[in-house]
């Protein structure tokens, strides 16, 4: 992927975040909801999207260990609780937004967006994460054998997804820096087992690899590249640093 492509992606994220600036600040509740629910499709209701994600999470758990109908029912009830709790917060944010909507200007536009941002971040990080009611109930209802099987499967999946994100990054660098086959393998070997990702299943995982590489001592990768390649590589790493805020917002980096 070229430098221009990376910059385009970063600009699109910013453009999607506050599109009202291009609409003379004529924004309403539909736009506010799009700030929160970035994956909302057409006329789909937010609650329907969240319920679909809940069922996907339960199905994902069942891929790791067999569940009884009673266990699934308890998880669905807990997931509905997570959805209600989130939608209660959305309703409050909507009410606060309406207080601003009639008098939006350049000064309070960011204030309006800040009402949506924490909710957007919660969704990006996963409504059914480890601290969710669904996951807590899941941990409480499965037996020890199921729990061991689940942890083993989760570790395997995350390791595989991390390998894929690293491979995608190496492939991108191979094209952009004209790496030899040997250099690609050396870069792959350097990153495998070193890079850890919070959410390797995220579409932004490859860019999280790029950011994590900026935390690595430079001498570890300098010896792999010639001078022109190293100069271009350092430009890529700077782009990775610049994407930190986006990666935190998307839930693939911790907000340290």
C-alpha atoms as a PDB file:
ATOM      1  CA  UNK A   1       0.000   0.000   0.000  1.00  0.00           C
ATOM      2  CA  UNK A   2       1.418   3.387  -0.981  1.00  0.00           C
ATOM      3  CA  UNK A   3       2.038   6.351   1.278  1.00  0.00           C
ATOM      4  CA  UNK A   4      -0.798   8.149  -0.507  1.00  0.00           C
ATOM      5  CA  UNK A   5      -3.156   5.274   0.263  1.00  0.00           C
ATOM      6  CA  UNK A   6      -2.255   5.343   3.943  1.00  0.00           C
ATOM      7  CA  UNK A   7      -2.812   9.079   4.126  1.00  0.00           C
ATOM      8  CA  UNK A   8      -6.129   8.649   2.338  1.00  0.00           C
ATOM      9  CA  UNK A   9      -7.274   6.122   4.939  1.00  0.00           C
ATOM     10  CA  UNK A  10      -6.303   8.440   7.787  1.00  0.00           C
ATOM     11  CA  UNK A  11      -8.095  11.383   6.145  1.00  0.00           C
ATOM     12  CA  UNK A  12     -11.242   9.289   5.566  1.00  0.00           C
ATOM     13  CA  UNK A  13     -11.365   8.459   9.266  1.00  0.00           C
ATOM     14  CA  UNK A  14     -11.231  12.145  10.167  1.00  0.00           C
ATOM     15  CA  UNK A  15     -13.754  13.031   7.446  1.00  0.00           C
ATOM     16  CA  UNK A  16     -16.207  10.399   8.700  1.00  0.00           C
ATOM     17  CA  UNK A  17     -15.773  11.620  12.253  1.00  0.00           C
ATOM     18  CA  UNK A  18     -17.070  15.168  11.721  1.00  0.00           C
ATOM     19  CA  UNK A  19     -18.781  15.329   8.339  1.00  0.00           C
ATOM     20  CA  UNK A  20     -21.035  18.187   9.457  1.00  0.00           C
ATOM     21  CA  UNK A  21     -18.349  20.692   8.534  1.00  0.00           C
ATOM     22  CA  UNK A  22     -19.082  19.888   4.892  1.00  0.00           C
ATOM     23  CA  UNK A  23     -22.829  20.157   5.431  1.00  0.00           C
ATOM     24  CA  UNK A  24     -23.042  23.709   6.812  1.00  0.00           C
ATOM     25  CA  UNK A  25     -23.640  22.164  10.245  1.00  0.00           C
ATOM     26  CA  UNK A  26     -27.106  20.972   9.174  1.00  0.00           C
ATOM     27  CA  UNK A  27     -26.983  17.674  11.036  1.00  0.00           C
ATOM     28  CA  UNK A  28     -29.705  15.756  12.799  1.00  0.00           C
ATOM     29  CA  UNK A  29     -30.275  12.638  14.828  1.00  0.00           C
ATOM     30  CA  UNK A  30     -29.558  10.310  11.881  1.00  0.00           C
ATOM     31  CA  UNK A  31     -26.073  11.781  11.534  1.00  0.00           C
ATOM     32  CA  UNK A  32     -25.537  11.632  15.288  1.00  0.00           C
ATOM     33  CA  UNK A  33     -26.451   7.934  15.254  1.00  0.00           C
ATOM     34  CA  UNK A  34     -24.017   7.340  12.382  1.00  0.00           C
ATOM     35  CA  UNK A  35     -21.269   8.839  14.513  1.00  0.00           C
ATOM     36  CA  UNK A  36     -22.022   6.207  17.167  1.00  0.00           C
ATOM     37  CA  UNK A  37     -23.047   3.226  15.023  1.00  0.00           C
ATOM     38  CA  UNK A  38     -20.493   3.374  12.223  1.00  0.00           C
ATOM     39  CA  UNK A  39     -21.438  -0.088  10.951  1.00  0.00           C
ATOM     40  CA  UNK A  40     -25.149   0.663  10.638  1.00  0.00           C
ATOM     41  CA  UNK A  41     -26.562  -0.378   7.257  1.00  0.00           C
ATOM     42  CA  UNK A  42     -29.447   1.373   5.487  1.00  0.00           C
ATOM     43  CA  UNK A  43     -32.639   1.283   7.542  1.00  0.00           C
ATOM     44  CA  UNK A  44     -31.212  -1.151  10.076  1.00  0.00           C
ATOM     45  CA  UNK A  45     -32.077  -0.261  13.662  1.00  0.00           C
ATOM     46  CA  UNK A  46     -29.202   0.074  16.133  1.00  0.00           C
ATOM     47  CA  UNK A  47     -30.836  -2.448  18.449  1.00  0.00           C
ATOM     48  CA  UNK A  48     -31.028  -4.994  15.613  1.00  0.00           C
ATOM     49  CA  UNK A  49     -27.351  -4.519  14.804  1.00  0.00           C
ATOM     50  CA  UNK A  50     -26.385  -5.001  18.460  1.00  0.00           C
ATOM     51  CA  UNK A  51     -28.579  -8.086  18.792  1.00  0.00           C
ATOM     52  CA  UNK A  52     -26.959  -9.549  15.679  1.00  0.00           C
ATOM     53  CA  UNK A  53     -23.534  -8.979  17.228  1.00  0.00           C
ATOM     54  CA  UNK A  54     -24.721 -10.644  20.428  1.00  0.00           C
ATOM     55  CA  UNK A  55     -25.773 -13.802  18.578  1.00  0.00           C
ATOM     56  CA  UNK A  56     -22.481 -13.778  16.663  1.00  0.00           C
ATOM     57  CA  UNK A  57     -20.582 -13.603  19.957  1.00  0.00           C
ATOM     58  CA  UNK A  58     -22.515 -16.569  21.376  1.00  0.00           C
ATOM     59  CA  UNK A  59     -21.920 -18.515  18.157  1.00  0.00           C
ATOM     60  CA  UNK A  60     -18.229 -17.626  18.367  1.00  0.00           C
ATOM     61  CA  UNK A  61     -18.097 -19.004  21.907  1.00  0.00           C
ATOM     62  CA  UNK A  62     -19.815 -22.174  20.759  1.00  0.00           C
ATOM     63  CA  UNK A  63     -17.165 -22.687  18.108  1.00  0.00           C
ATOM     64  CA  UNK A  64     -14.724 -23.091  20.974  1.00  0.00           C
ATOM     65  CA  UNK A  65     -16.836 -25.305  23.228  1.00  0.00           C
ATOM     66  CA  UNK A  66     -20.250 -26.964  23.036  1.00  0.00           C
ATOM     67  CA  UNK A  67     -23.004 -25.116  24.939  1.00  0.00           C
ATOM     68  CA  UNK A  68     -26.268 -26.402  26.318  1.00  0.00           C
ATOM     69  CA  UNK A  69     -29.537 -24.637  25.480  1.00  0.00           C
ATOM     70  CA  UNK A  70     -29.754 -23.465  29.088  1.00  0.00           C
ATOM     71  CA  UNK A  71     -26.300 -21.904  28.845  1.00  0.00           C
ATOM     72  CA  UNK A  72     -27.187 -20.190  25.580  1.00  0.00           C
ATOM     73  CA  UNK A  73     -30.424 -18.834  27.088  1.00  0.00           C
ATOM     74  CA  UNK A  74     -28.553 -17.340  30.055  1.00  0.00           C
ATOM     75  CA  UNK A  75     -26.018 -15.732  27.725  1.00  0.00           C
ATOM     76  CA  UNK A  76     -28.764 -14.268  25.529  1.00  0.00           C
ATOM     77  CA  UNK A  77     -30.457 -12.766  28.589  1.00  0.00           C
ATOM     78  CA  UNK A  78     -27.151 -11.279  29.751  1.00  0.00           C
ATOM     79  CA  UNK A  79     -26.439  -9.963  26.254  1.00  0.00           C
ATOM     80  CA  UNK A  80     -29.827  -8.254  26.211  1.00  0.00           C
ATOM     81  CA  UNK A  81     -28.807  -6.596  29.459  1.00  0.00           C
ATOM     82  CA  UNK A  82     -25.612  -5.310  27.833  1.00  0.00           C
ATOM     83  CA  UNK A  83     -27.639  -3.945  24.918  1.00  0.00           C
ATOM     84  CA  UNK A  84     -30.169  -2.223  27.197  1.00  0.00           C
ATOM     85  CA  UNK A  85     -27.430  -0.658  29.292  1.00  0.00           C
ATOM     86  CA  UNK A  86     -25.718   0.658  26.176  1.00  0.00           C
ATOM     87  CA  UNK A  87     -28.915   1.936  24.567  1.00  0.00           C
ATOM     88  CA  UNK A  88     -29.860   3.736  27.806  1.00  0.00           C
ATOM     89  CA  UNK A  89     -26.575   5.629  27.487  1.00  0.00           C
ATOM     90  CA  UNK A  90     -27.304   6.283  23.802  1.00  0.00           C
ATOM     91  CA  UNK A  91     -30.710   7.743  24.676  1.00  0.00           C
ATOM     92  CA  UNK A  92     -29.109  10.096  27.184  1.00  0.00           C
ATOM     93  CA  UNK A  93     -26.535  11.169  24.613  1.00  0.00           C
ATOM     94  CA  UNK A  94     -29.321  11.774  22.108  1.00  0.00           C
ATOM     95  CA  UNK A  95     -31.133  14.015  24.593  1.00  0.00           C
ATOM     96  CA  UNK A  96     -27.928  15.961  25.220  1.00  0.00           C
ATOM     97  CA  UNK A  97     -27.361  16.251  21.471  1.00  0.00           C
ATOM     98  CA  UNK A  98     -30.844  17.690  20.938  1.00  0.00           C
ATOM     99  CA  UNK A  99     -29.981  20.439  23.400  1.00  0.00           C
ATOM    100  CA  UNK A 100     -27.166  21.454  21.040  1.00  0.00           C
ATOM    101  CA  UNK A 101     -28.628  20.580  17.640  1.00  0.00           C
ATOM    102  CA  UNK A 102     -30.681  23.742  17.092  1.00  0.00           C
ATOM    103  CA  UNK A 103     -27.688  26.021  17.626  1.00  0.00           C
ATOM    104  CA  UNK A 104     -24.743  24.129  16.217  1.00  0.00           C
ATOM    105  CA  UNK A 105     -21.776  26.228  15.191  1.00  0.00           C
ATOM    106  CA  UNK A 106     -18.031  25.807  14.737  1.00  0.00           C
ATOM    107  CA  UNK A 107     -17.507  26.358  18.465  1.00  0.00           C
ATOM    108  CA  UNK A 108     -19.808  23.648  19.794  1.00  0.00           C
ATOM    109  CA  UNK A 109     -19.639  21.161  16.905  1.00  0.00           C
ATOM    110  CA  UNK A 110     -16.853  19.281  18.646  1.00  0.00           C
ATOM    111  CA  UNK A 111     -18.896  19.279  21.852  1.00  0.00           C
ATOM    112  CA  UNK A 112     -21.699  17.522  19.954  1.00  0.00           C
ATOM    113  CA  UNK A 113     -19.291  14.980  18.500  1.00  0.00           C
ATOM    114  CA  UNK A 114     -17.792  14.330  21.937  1.00  0.00           C
ATOM    115  CA  UNK A 115     -21.207  13.112  23.075  1.00  0.00           C
ATOM    116  CA  UNK A 116     -21.020  10.321  20.495  1.00  0.00           C
ATOM    117  CA  UNK A 117     -17.309   9.518  20.738  1.00  0.00           C
ATOM    118  CA  UNK A 118     -17.296   7.514  24.027  1.00  0.00           C
ATOM    119  CA  UNK A 119     -20.189   5.391  22.774  1.00  0.00           C
ATOM    120  CA  UNK A 120     -18.491   4.862  19.414  1.00  0.00           C
ATOM    121  CA  UNK A 121     -15.358   3.788  21.258  1.00  0.00           C
ATOM    122  CA  UNK A 122     -17.276   1.307  23.432  1.00  0.00           C
ATOM    123  CA  UNK A 123     -18.696  -0.321  20.316  1.00  0.00           C
ATOM    124  CA  UNK A 124     -15.306  -0.444  18.610  1.00  0.00           C
ATOM    125  CA  UNK A 125     -13.750  -2.078  21.652  1.00  0.00           C
ATOM    126  CA  UNK A 126     -16.565  -4.627  21.753  1.00  0.00           C
ATOM    127  CA  UNK A 127     -19.872  -4.344  23.569  1.00  0.00           C
ATOM    128  CA  UNK A 128     -19.501  -7.971  24.625  1.00  0.00           C
ATOM    129  CA  UNK A 129     -15.917  -7.750  25.860  1.00  0.00           C
ATOM    130  CA  UNK A 130     -14.546  -9.474  28.958  1.00  0.00           C
ATOM    131  CA  UNK A 131     -16.296  -7.009  31.280  1.00  0.00           C
ATOM    132  CA  UNK A 132     -19.722  -7.421  29.661  1.00  0.00           C
ATOM    133  CA  UNK A 133     -22.619  -9.174  31.377  1.00  0.00           C
ATOM    134  CA  UNK A 134     -22.608 -11.753  28.592  1.00  0.00           C
ATOM    135  CA  UNK A 135     -18.982 -12.714  29.197  1.00  0.00           C
ATOM    136  CA  UNK A 136     -19.393 -12.709  32.974  1.00  0.00           C
ATOM    137  CA  UNK A 137     -22.404 -15.026  32.709  1.00  0.00           C
ATOM    138  CA  UNK A 138     -20.531 -17.195  30.201  1.00  0.00           C
ATOM    139  CA  UNK A 139     -17.659 -17.586  32.642  1.00  0.00           C
ATOM    140  CA  UNK A 140     -20.115 -18.413  35.419  1.00  0.00           C
ATOM    141  CA  UNK A 141     -22.163 -20.998  33.528  1.00  0.00           C
ATOM    142  CA  UNK A 142     -19.546 -23.074  31.732  1.00  0.00           C
ATOM    143  CA  UNK A 143     -17.787 -25.869  33.572  1.00  0.00           C
ATOM    144  CA  UNK A 144     -14.035 -26.228  34.059  1.00  0.00           C
ATOM    145  CA  UNK A 145     -13.552 -28.469  31.025  1.00  0.00           C
ATOM    146  CA  UNK A 146     -15.461 -26.001  28.839  1.00  0.00           C
ATOM    147  CA  UNK A 147     -13.485 -23.070  30.281  1.00  0.00           C
ATOM    148  CA  UNK A 148     -10.162 -24.767  29.573  1.00  0.00           C
ATOM    149  CA  UNK A 149     -11.270 -25.585  26.043  1.00  0.00           C
ATOM    150  CA  UNK A 150     -12.484 -22.011  25.520  1.00  0.00           C
ATOM    151  CA  UNK A 151      -9.240 -20.430  26.728  1.00  0.00           C
ATOM    152  CA  UNK A 152      -7.177 -22.751  24.550  1.00  0.00           C
ATOM    153  CA  UNK A 153      -9.302 -22.026  21.485  1.00  0.00           C
ATOM    154  CA  UNK A 154      -9.269 -18.259  22.104  1.00  0.00           C
ATOM    155  CA  UNK A 155      -5.483 -18.263  22.434  1.00  0.00           C
ATOM    156  CA  UNK A 156      -5.134 -20.205  19.185  1.00  0.00           C
ATOM    157  CA  UNK A 157      -7.501 -17.889  17.320  1.00  0.00           C
ATOM    158  CA  UNK A 158      -5.773 -14.737  18.565  1.00  0.00           C
ATOM    159  CA  UNK A 159      -2.353 -16.115  17.688  1.00  0.00           C
ATOM    160  CA  UNK A 160      -3.539 -17.001  14.182  1.00  0.00           C
ATOM    161  CA  UNK A 161      -5.194 -13.620  13.662  1.00  0.00           C
ATOM    162  CA  UNK A 162      -2.048 -11.863  14.847  1.00  0.00           C
ATOM    163  CA  UNK A 163       0.008 -13.884  12.351  1.00  0.00           C
ATOM    164  CA  UNK A 164      -2.378 -12.833   9.580  1.00  0.00           C
ATOM    165  CA  UNK A 165      -2.120  -9.147  10.557  1.00  0.00           C
ATOM    166  CA  UNK A 166       1.672  -9.408  10.588  1.00  0.00           C
ATOM    167  CA  UNK A 167       1.704 -11.210   7.233  1.00  0.00           C
ATOM    168  CA  UNK A 168      -0.489  -8.477   5.733  1.00  0.00           C
ATOM    169  CA  UNK A 169       1.866  -5.809   7.048  1.00  0.00           C
ATOM    170  CA  UNK A 170       4.932  -7.628   5.696  1.00  0.00           C
ATOM    171  CA  UNK A 171       3.234  -8.004   2.307  1.00  0.00           C
ATOM    172  CA  UNK A 172       2.473  -4.275   2.259  1.00  0.00           C
ATOM    173  CA  UNK A 173       6.095  -3.463   3.133  1.00  0.00           C
ATOM    174  CA  UNK A 174       7.314  -5.922   0.510  1.00  0.00           C
ATOM    175  CA  UNK A 175       5.443  -4.032  -2.193  1.00  0.00           C
ATOM    176  CA  UNK A 176       6.228  -0.550  -0.932  1.00  0.00           C
ATOM    177  CA  UNK A 177       9.937  -1.089  -0.210  1.00  0.00           C
ATOM    178  CA  UNK A 178      10.645  -3.672  -2.928  1.00  0.00           C
ATOM    179  CA  UNK A 179      11.847  -6.182  -0.335  1.00  0.00           C
ATOM    180  CA  UNK A 180      13.542  -9.356  -1.445  1.00  0.00           C
ATOM    181  CA  UNK A 181      12.048 -12.708  -0.455  1.00  0.00           C
ATOM    182  CA  UNK A 182      14.794 -13.062   2.157  1.00  0.00           C
ATOM    183  CA  UNK A 183      14.044  -9.624   3.610  1.00  0.00           C
ATOM    184  CA  UNK A 184      10.326 -10.415   3.824  1.00  0.00           C
ATOM    185  CA  UNK A 185      11.044 -13.617   5.706  1.00  0.00           C
ATOM    186  CA  UNK A 186      13.448 -11.840   8.061  1.00  0.00           C
ATOM    187  CA  UNK A 187      10.860  -9.154   8.822  1.00  0.00           C
ATOM    188  CA  UNK A 188       8.189 -11.808   9.351  1.00  0.00           C
ATOM    189  CA  UNK A 189      10.485 -13.717  11.728  1.00  0.00           C
ATOM    190  CA  UNK A 190      11.275 -10.507  13.611  1.00  0.00           C
ATOM    191  CA  UNK A 191       7.624  -9.702  14.227  1.00  0.00           C
ATOM    192  CA  UNK A 192       6.271 -13.209  14.882  1.00  0.00           C
ATOM    193  CA  UNK A 193       6.212 -13.866  18.608  1.00  0.00           C
ATOM    194  CA  UNK A 194       7.118 -10.238  19.375  1.00  0.00           C
ATOM    195  CA  UNK A 195       4.041  -8.243  18.369  1.00  0.00           C
ATOM    196  CA  UNK A 196       0.967  -8.579  20.590  1.00  0.00           C
ATOM    197  CA  UNK A 197      -2.377  -7.114  19.569  1.00  0.00           C
ATOM    198  CA  UNK A 198      -5.378  -6.276  21.712  1.00  0.00           C
ATOM    199  CA  UNK A 199      -7.845  -7.159  18.959  1.00  0.00           C
ATOM    200  CA  UNK A 200      -6.168  -9.014  16.083  1.00  0.00           C
ATOM    201  CA  UNK A 201      -9.565  -9.541  14.415  1.00  0.00           C
ATOM    202  CA  UNK A 202      -9.997  -5.780  13.837  1.00  0.00           C
ATOM    203  CA  UNK A 203      -9.755  -4.399  10.278  1.00  0.00           C
ATOM    204  CA  UNK A 204      -7.181  -2.007  11.746  1.00  0.00           C
ATOM    205  CA  UNK A 205      -4.971  -4.816  13.097  1.00  0.00           C
ATOM    206  CA  UNK A 206      -2.355  -4.381  10.350  1.00  0.00           C
ATOM    207  CA  UNK A 207      -1.970  -0.722  11.320  1.00  0.00           C
ATOM    208  CA  UNK A 208      -1.667  -1.730  14.966  1.00  0.00           C
ATOM    209  CA  UNK A 209       1.277  -3.911  13.896  1.00  0.00           C
ATOM    210  CA  UNK A 210       2.768  -0.827  12.247  1.00  0.00           C
ATOM    211  CA  UNK A 211       2.357   1.164  15.458  1.00  0.00           C
ATOM    212  CA  UNK A 212       3.768  -1.596  17.672  1.00  0.00           C
ATOM    213  CA  UNK A 213       6.832  -1.711  15.467  1.00  0.00           C
ATOM    214  CA  UNK A 214       7.543   1.921  16.393  1.00  0.00           C
ATOM    215  CA  UNK A 215       8.040   0.719  19.987  1.00  0.00           C
ATOM    216  CA  UNK A 216      10.729  -1.740  18.933  1.00  0.00           C
ATOM    217  CA  UNK A 217      14.424  -0.746  19.178  1.00  0.00           C
ATOM    218  CA  UNK A 218      15.499   0.505  15.748  1.00  0.00           C
ATOM    219  CA  UNK A 219      18.618  -1.664  15.623  1.00  0.00           C
ATOM    220  CA  UNK A 220      16.424  -4.752  15.408  1.00  0.00           C
ATOM    221  CA  UNK A 221      15.106  -3.851  11.964  1.00  0.00           C
ATOM    222  CA  UNK A 222      17.824  -1.508  10.650  1.00  0.00           C
ATOM    223  CA  UNK A 223      20.105  -4.410   9.754  1.00  0.00           C
ATOM    224  CA  UNK A 224      17.403  -5.919   7.532  1.00  0.00           C
ATOM    225  CA  UNK A 225      17.182  -2.964   5.131  1.00  0.00           C
ATOM    226  CA  UNK A 226      19.464  -0.973   2.866  1.00  0.00           C
ATOM    227  CA  UNK A 227      19.664   2.824   3.198  1.00  0.00           C
ATOM    228  CA  UNK A 228      16.854   3.794   0.748  1.00  0.00           C
ATOM    229  CA  UNK A 229      14.577   1.100   2.161  1.00  0.00           C
ATOM    230  CA  UNK A 230      15.277   2.213   5.716  1.00  0.00           C
ATOM    231  CA  UNK A 231      14.450   5.826   4.897  1.00  0.00           C
ATOM    232  CA  UNK A 232      11.097   4.799   3.377  1.00  0.00           C
ATOM    233  CA  UNK A 233      10.445   2.430   6.265  1.00  0.00           C
ATOM    234  CA  UNK A 234      10.946   5.194   8.811  1.00  0.00           C
ATOM    235  CA  UNK A 235       8.372   7.286   6.940  1.00  0.00           C
ATOM    236  CA  UNK A 236       5.904   4.410   7.262  1.00  0.00           C
ATOM    237  CA  UNK A 237       6.618   4.128  10.979  1.00  0.00           C
ATOM    238  CA  UNK A 238       5.940   7.837  11.438  1.00  0.00           C
ATOM    239  CA  UNK A 239       2.591   7.304   9.743  1.00  0.00           C
ATOM    240  CA  UNK A 240       1.968   4.518  12.247  1.00  0.00           C
ATOM    241  CA  UNK A 241       2.657   6.895  15.128  1.00  0.00           C
ATOM    242  CA  UNK A 242       0.289   9.437  13.627  1.00  0.00           C
ATOM    243  CA  UNK A 243      -2.499   6.846  13.562  1.00  0.00           C
ATOM    244  CA  UNK A 244      -2.365   6.190  17.296  1.00  0.00           C
ATOM    245  CA  UNK A 245      -5.470   8.209  18.147  1.00  0.00           C
ATOM    246  CA  UNK A 246      -7.428   6.418  15.417  1.00  0.00           C
ATOM    247  CA  UNK A 247      -6.234   3.007  16.628  1.00  0.00           C
ATOM    248  CA  UNK A 248      -7.259   3.821  20.208  1.00  0.00           C
ATOM    249  CA  UNK A 249     -10.652   4.996  18.978  1.00  0.00           C
ATOM    250  CA  UNK A 250     -11.067   1.769  16.998  1.00  0.00           C
ATOM    251  CA  UNK A 251     -10.263  -0.305  20.071  1.00  0.00           C
ATOM    252  CA  UNK A 252      -7.058  -1.956  18.850  1.00  0.00           C
ATOM    253  CA  UNK A 253      -4.751  -0.004  21.192  1.00  0.00           C
ATOM    254  CA  UNK A 254      -5.090   0.810  24.865  1.00  0.00           C
ATOM    255  CA  UNK A 255      -5.601   4.475  25.771  1.00  0.00           C
ATOM    256  CA  UNK A 256      -2.495   4.782  27.917  1.00  0.00           C
END
